[in-house]
N, C-alpha and C. Protein backbone atom coordinates (compact mmCIF):
# COMPACT_ATOMS: atom_id res chain seq x y z
N UNK A 1 12.35 85.81 15.31
CA UNK A 1 11.43 85.47 16.46
C UNK A 1 11.83 86.08 18.06
N UNK A 2 11.28 86.70 18.67
CA UNK A 2 11.34 86.88 20.12
C UNK A 2 11.06 86.00 20.78
N UNK A 3 11.54 85.58 21.97
CA UNK A 3 11.07 84.89 23.23
C UNK A 3 9.76 85.44 23.79
N UNK A 4 8.63 84.97 23.70
CA UNK A 4 7.96 85.58 25.23
C UNK A 4 8.39 85.40 26.38
N UNK A 5 9.29 85.00 26.84
CA UNK A 5 9.30 85.01 28.03
C UNK A 5 10.54 86.42 28.67
N UNK A 6 11.86 86.62 27.85
CA UNK A 6 13.02 87.25 28.00
C UNK A 6 13.32 87.94 27.26
N UNK A 7 12.18 87.73 25.90
CA UNK A 7 12.65 88.83 24.90
C UNK A 7 13.57 88.07 23.81
N UNK A 8 14.54 87.01 24.43
CA UNK A 8 15.72 87.44 23.67
C UNK A 8 15.46 86.47 22.58
N UNK A 9 16.13 86.09 21.41
CA UNK A 9 16.40 85.72 19.80
C UNK A 9 16.06 84.08 20.24
N UNK A 10 15.12 84.19 19.27
CA UNK A 10 14.59 82.88 18.92
C UNK A 10 15.66 81.84 17.64
N UNK A 11 16.30 80.87 17.88
CA UNK A 11 16.68 80.01 17.05
C UNK A 11 16.32 78.67 16.78
N UNK A 12 16.17 78.33 15.63
CA UNK A 12 16.05 76.36 15.25
C UNK A 12 16.72 75.32 15.78
N UNK A 13 16.06 74.93 16.35
CA UNK A 13 17.03 73.34 16.95
C UNK A 13 15.79 72.54 16.88
N UNK A 14 16.77 71.30 18.14
CA UNK A 14 15.75 70.45 18.26
C UNK A 14 15.30 69.67 19.59
N UNK A 15 14.79 68.78 20.16
CA UNK A 15 14.40 68.88 21.18
C UNK A 15 13.93 67.09 21.72
N UNK A 16 13.73 66.96 22.60
CA UNK A 16 13.19 65.93 22.74
C UNK A 16 12.17 66.02 23.61
N UNK A 17 10.69 65.18 23.28
CA UNK A 17 9.69 65.30 23.93
C UNK A 17 9.06 64.31 24.90
N UNK A 18 8.86 64.06 25.76
CA UNK A 18 8.61 63.27 26.38
C UNK A 18 6.95 63.03 27.10
N UNK A 19 6.15 62.47 27.15
CA UNK A 19 5.36 61.90 27.55
C UNK A 19 5.22 60.36 28.45
N UNK A 20 4.45 61.02 29.73
CA UNK A 20 4.12 60.03 29.88
C UNK A 20 2.58 59.66 30.80
N UNK A 21 2.03 58.31 29.94
CA UNK A 21 0.64 58.22 29.63
C UNK A 21 0.51 56.99 30.79
N UNK A 22 0.00 56.73 31.38
CA UNK A 22 -0.44 55.74 32.43
C UNK A 22 -0.09 54.44 32.35
N UNK A 23 -0.61 54.33 30.89
CA UNK A 23 0.32 52.55 30.71
C UNK A 23 1.59 52.42 29.78
N UNK A 24 2.27 53.95 29.65
CA UNK A 24 3.73 53.78 28.35
C UNK A 24 3.97 54.92 28.98
N UNK A 25 5.94 54.94 28.88
CA UNK A 25 6.23 56.21 28.66
C UNK A 25 7.09 56.38 27.28
N UNK A 26 6.31 57.84 26.73
CA UNK A 26 7.07 58.11 24.77
C UNK A 26 7.89 58.96 25.01
N UNK A 27 8.99 58.39 24.35
CA UNK A 27 10.06 59.75 23.86
C UNK A 27 10.69 59.96 22.56
N UNK A 28 10.16 60.90 21.68
CA UNK A 28 9.98 61.78 20.57
C UNK A 28 11.68 62.24 21.00
N UNK A 29 12.53 61.48 20.29
CA UNK A 29 14.22 62.32 20.01
C UNK A 29 14.23 63.45 18.25
N UNK A 30 14.68 64.35 19.00
CA UNK A 30 14.96 65.07 17.63
C UNK A 30 13.69 65.92 17.08
N UNK A 31 12.63 66.32 18.01
CA UNK A 31 11.55 67.37 17.32
C UNK A 31 12.01 68.03 17.22
N UNK A 32 11.85 69.20 15.77
CA UNK A 32 12.34 70.47 15.36
C UNK A 32 11.26 71.76 16.50
N UNK A 33 12.22 72.38 16.87
CA UNK A 33 11.37 73.08 17.90
C UNK A 33 12.25 75.18 17.63
N UNK A 34 11.56 75.68 18.09
CA UNK A 34 12.04 77.16 18.17
C UNK A 34 13.01 77.21 19.77
N UNK A 35 14.25 77.59 19.69
CA UNK A 35 14.73 78.14 21.16
C UNK A 35 15.28 79.20 21.60
N UNK A 36 15.18 79.54 22.35
CA UNK A 36 15.68 80.91 22.92
C UNK A 36 17.26 80.66 23.15
N UNK A 37 18.06 81.84 22.65
CA UNK A 37 19.82 81.89 22.85
C UNK A 37 19.71 82.39 23.87
N UNK A 38 19.39 82.96 24.90
CA UNK A 38 19.06 83.38 26.02
C UNK A 38 18.57 82.62 27.19
N UNK A 39 17.29 82.35 27.60
CA UNK A 39 16.57 81.93 27.98
C UNK A 39 16.81 79.78 28.36
N UNK A 40 16.81 79.66 27.24
CA UNK A 40 15.92 78.27 26.67
C UNK A 40 15.06 78.04 26.42
N UNK A 41 13.84 78.67 26.91
CA UNK A 41 12.68 78.44 26.27
C UNK A 41 12.12 77.79 24.86
N UNK A 42 11.52 76.72 25.15
CA UNK A 42 11.07 75.92 23.69
C UNK A 42 9.80 76.22 23.62
N UNK A 43 9.49 76.38 21.81
CA UNK A 43 8.42 76.82 21.90
C UNK A 43 8.23 75.59 20.09
N UNK A 44 6.88 74.64 20.03
CA UNK A 44 6.83 74.41 19.11
C UNK A 44 5.25 74.63 18.08
N UNK A 45 6.46 75.26 16.89
CA UNK A 45 5.26 75.15 15.92
C UNK A 45 3.97 74.37 16.02
N UNK A 46 2.16 74.98 15.46
CA UNK A 46 1.26 74.23 15.55
C UNK A 46 1.47 72.42 14.38
N UNK A 47 2.04 72.55 12.68
CA UNK A 47 2.59 71.66 12.41
C UNK A 47 3.09 70.25 13.50
N UNK A 48 4.04 70.83 14.04
CA UNK A 48 4.95 69.85 14.79
C UNK A 48 4.17 69.13 16.06
N UNK A 49 3.08 70.32 16.68
CA UNK A 49 2.33 69.76 17.74
C UNK A 49 1.11 69.05 16.93
N UNK A 50 0.67 68.94 16.22
CA UNK A 50 0.04 67.72 15.44
C UNK A 50 0.83 66.82 15.16
N UNK A 51 2.13 66.85 14.56
CA UNK A 51 2.70 65.56 14.90
C UNK A 51 3.01 64.96 15.36
N UNK A 52 3.13 65.50 16.56
CA UNK A 52 3.46 65.03 17.36
C UNK A 52 2.03 63.95 18.34
N UNK A 53 1.09 64.96 18.35
CA UNK A 53 -0.23 63.99 19.12
C UNK A 53 -0.54 63.03 17.87
N UNK A 54 -0.80 62.61 16.83
CA UNK A 54 -0.44 61.68 16.29
C UNK A 54 0.45 60.22 16.11
N UNK A 55 2.04 61.22 16.28
CA UNK A 55 3.09 59.96 16.97
C UNK A 55 2.70 59.05 18.41
N UNK A 56 2.40 60.10 19.02
CA UNK A 56 1.98 59.52 20.42
C UNK A 56 0.42 59.00 20.33
N UNK A 57 -0.50 59.20 19.70
CA UNK A 57 -1.74 58.25 19.55
C UNK A 57 -1.48 56.84 18.74
N UNK A 58 -0.44 56.62 17.68
CA UNK A 58 -0.22 55.80 16.98
C UNK A 58 0.53 54.62 18.18
N UNK A 59 1.53 55.14 18.84
CA UNK A 59 3.04 54.43 19.38
C UNK A 59 2.00 54.30 20.72
N UNK A 60 0.76 55.10 21.37
CA UNK A 60 0.14 54.57 22.31
C UNK A 60 -0.68 53.30 22.39
N UNK A 61 -1.21 52.99 21.07
CA UNK A 61 -1.83 52.15 20.97
C UNK A 61 -1.43 50.50 20.85
N UNK A 62 0.17 50.43 20.67
CA UNK A 62 1.19 49.46 20.38
C UNK A 62 0.96 48.74 21.21
N UNK A 63 0.78 48.94 22.58
CA UNK A 63 0.88 48.23 23.62
C UNK A 63 1.94 47.92 24.49
N UNK A 64 3.09 48.95 24.55
CA UNK A 64 4.50 48.88 24.66
C UNK A 64 4.60 50.03 26.05
N UNK A 65 5.67 49.43 27.04
CA UNK A 65 5.73 50.10 28.55
C UNK A 65 6.07 51.05 27.97
N UNK A 66 7.88 51.01 27.20
CA UNK A 66 8.62 52.37 26.85
C UNK A 66 8.83 52.38 25.22
N UNK A 67 8.23 53.56 24.84
CA UNK A 67 8.68 54.02 22.98
C UNK A 67 10.00 54.61 23.43
N UNK A 68 10.63 54.72 22.54
CA UNK A 68 11.95 55.81 21.86
C UNK A 68 11.56 55.58 20.54
N UNK A 69 11.17 57.16 19.99
CA UNK A 69 10.70 57.34 18.63
C UNK A 69 11.88 58.17 18.46
N UNK A 70 12.39 58.27 16.63
CA UNK A 70 13.18 59.53 15.62
C UNK A 70 11.97 60.24 15.12
N UNK A 71 11.29 61.63 15.73
CA UNK A 71 10.22 62.58 15.26
C UNK A 71 10.59 62.13 13.42
N UNK A 72 11.61 62.40 12.76
CA UNK A 72 11.89 62.56 11.36
C UNK A 72 11.30 60.66 10.85
N UNK A 73 11.47 59.48 11.96
CA UNK A 73 10.84 58.45 11.23
C UNK A 73 9.38 57.81 11.39
N UNK A 74 9.07 58.78 12.24
CA UNK A 74 7.83 58.32 12.95
C UNK A 74 6.61 58.92 11.96
N UNK A 75 5.05 58.28 11.54
CA UNK A 75 4.64 58.45 11.15
C UNK A 75 3.60 59.11 12.21
């Protein structure tokens, strides 16, 4: 896979995803992604984005100010 920004090679990696909602901050660690070896651009596939949306929705309903969750452990 090629990076759409610099045309470098993309490799499987992990990243940390931050969501700042008005009532809370959610941090999801070890999110699977594709990372460009040249420029560092991060790309998430559709399945990961859908799961992140579900994680954020679930955590945001818990009435907490800051939540740090592990991607693989979160429902």
